[in-house]
Amino acid sequence: RATADVTVVTAEGDEKEFRAYSGENLRMGLIRRGLAPNDMTAKRYDNKPAGTGDCGGNGLCCTCVVTVLSGNEHLSPATTSEKQVLRNGKRWRQSCRAKLQLAQGERV
């Protein structure tokens, strides 16, 4: 199965690494490895106040936005709605909408 080594830099500046699999949802991959991406202080885009939780991975609240420093070409293309919501951040992705896409047997 195709895999990628993912390096996460936390808000505190710590680096964490994990192996992700082709087809894996980035948000779920982070959560499974104890790296919850949701920022409860972030401005929400679904008209609910900050600090009221997340939308459960439905792409509505934007509390799971991550900055992709490299490897964006290995993620599923951003949807039209994701591009509109995140238009001010060229490297931003909603982790709930991003899936790892690799060719059969590819390792990055």
Protein backbone atom coordinates (compact mmCIF):
# COMPACT_ATOMS: atom_id res chain seq x y z
CA ARG A 1 0.00 0.00 0.00
CA ALA A 2 1.28 3.47 -0.87
CA THR A 3 2.50 5.50 2.12
CA ALA A 4 3.86 8.92 3.01
CA ASP A 5 5.85 10.07 6.02
CA VAL A 6 4.06 13.12 7.39
CA THR A 7 5.78 15.69 9.61
CA VAL A 8 3.51 17.88 11.72
CA VAL A 9 4.76 21.07 13.34
CA THR A 10 2.47 21.91 16.25
CA ALA A 11 1.48 25.43 17.30
CA GLU A 12 4.09 25.09 20.05
CA GLY A 13 6.81 24.34 17.47
CA ASP A 14 7.17 20.62 18.29
CA GLU A 15 7.66 18.21 15.40
CA LYS A 16 5.75 14.93 15.25
CA GLU A 17 6.07 12.33 12.50
CA PHE A 18 3.75 9.55 11.37
CA ARG A 19 3.18 7.30 8.37
CA ALA A 20 -0.02 7.94 6.44
CA TYR A 21 -1.64 5.73 3.82
CA SER A 22 -3.02 6.56 0.39
CA GLY A 23 -6.71 7.41 0.68
CA GLU A 24 -6.40 8.41 4.33
CA ASN A 25 -8.24 11.53 5.40
CA LEU A 26 -5.73 13.99 6.90
CA ARG A 27 -7.96 15.10 9.79
CA MET A 28 -8.75 11.52 10.82
CA GLY A 29 -5.09 10.55 10.45
CA LEU A 30 -4.08 13.36 12.80
CA ILE A 31 -6.77 12.49 15.34
CA ARG A 32 -5.89 8.76 15.30
CA ARG A 33 -2.33 9.68 16.18
CA GLY A 34 -3.25 12.02 19.02
CA LEU A 35 -2.67 15.20 17.01
CA ALA A 36 -6.12 16.80 17.10
CA PRO A 37 -6.08 19.56 14.47
CA ASN A 38 -9.13 21.49 15.66
CA ASP A 39 -8.47 24.95 17.08
CA MET A 40 -11.42 25.81 19.28
CA THR A 41 -10.40 29.49 19.32
CA ALA A 42 -10.49 29.76 15.51
CA LYS A 43 -13.09 31.85 13.75
CA ARG A 44 -15.79 29.53 12.46
CA TYR A 45 -17.30 29.87 9.00
CA ASP A 46 -20.68 28.32 9.80
CA ASN A 47 -22.05 31.27 11.81
CA LYS A 48 -21.49 29.61 15.18
CA PRO A 49 -19.37 31.32 17.83
CA ALA A 50 -15.74 30.30 18.39
CA GLY A 51 -15.25 27.74 21.15
CA THR A 52 -18.46 25.82 20.41
CA GLY A 53 -16.77 22.70 19.06
CA ASP A 54 -16.16 21.50 15.54
CA CYS A 55 -18.48 20.34 12.76
CA GLY A 56 -17.28 16.72 12.91
CA GLY A 57 -15.35 16.78 9.66
CA ASN A 58 -18.06 18.11 7.37
CA GLY A 59 -16.05 21.05 6.01
CA LEU A 60 -18.31 23.67 7.57
CA CYS A 61 -16.45 25.24 10.48
CA CYS A 62 -12.79 25.51 9.35
CA THR A 63 -11.42 24.81 12.83
CA CYS A 64 -9.27 22.00 11.34
CA VAL A 65 -7.38 24.19 8.86
CA VAL A 66 -3.71 23.29 8.49
CA THR A 67 -0.85 24.90 6.57
CA VAL A 68 0.71 22.52 4.06
CA LEU A 69 4.40 23.40 3.85
CA SER A 70 5.25 20.74 1.26
CA GLY A 71 3.65 17.76 -0.44
CA ASN A 72 0.39 19.45 -1.44
CA GLU A 73 0.63 17.58 -4.75
CA HIS A 74 0.02 14.36 -2.78
CA LEU A 75 -3.32 15.59 -1.42
CA SER A 76 -6.70 15.49 -3.11
CA PRO A 77 -7.55 18.72 -4.95
CA ALA A 78 -9.28 21.39 -2.90
CA THR A 79 -13.01 21.60 -3.56
CA THR A 80 -14.57 24.81 -4.86
CA SER A 81 -16.10 25.59 -1.46
CA GLU A 82 -12.77 24.95 0.29
CA LYS A 83 -11.01 27.32 -2.13
CA GLN A 84 -13.62 30.02 -1.49
CA VAL A 85 -13.46 29.75 2.29
CA LEU A 86 -9.66 29.62 2.39
CA ARG A 87 -8.96 32.09 -0.43
CA ASN A 88 -6.64 34.18 1.76
CA GLY A 89 -4.32 31.30 2.59
CA LYS A 90 -2.47 29.85 -0.39
CA ARG A 91 -1.09 26.86 1.57
CA TRP A 92 -4.09 26.32 3.83
CA ARG A 93 -6.22 23.19 3.61
CA GLN A 94 -9.17 21.94 5.58
CA SER A 95 -7.71 18.73 6.98
CA CYS A 96 -11.19 17.17 6.94
CA ARG A 97 -11.34 17.62 3.16
CA ALA A 98 -7.78 16.57 2.27
CA LYS A 99 -7.03 12.94 1.44
CA LEU A 100 -3.62 11.50 0.68
CA GLN A 101 -3.39 10.50 -2.99
CA LEU A 102 -0.50 8.29 -4.06
CA ALA A 103 0.05 5.88 -6.91
CA GLN A 104 0.00 2.14 -6.15
CA GLY A 105 3.18 1.27 -4.21
CA GLU A 106 4.43 4.88 -4.11
CA ARG A 107 6.32 5.97 -1.00
CA VAL A 108 7.02 9.62 -0.20
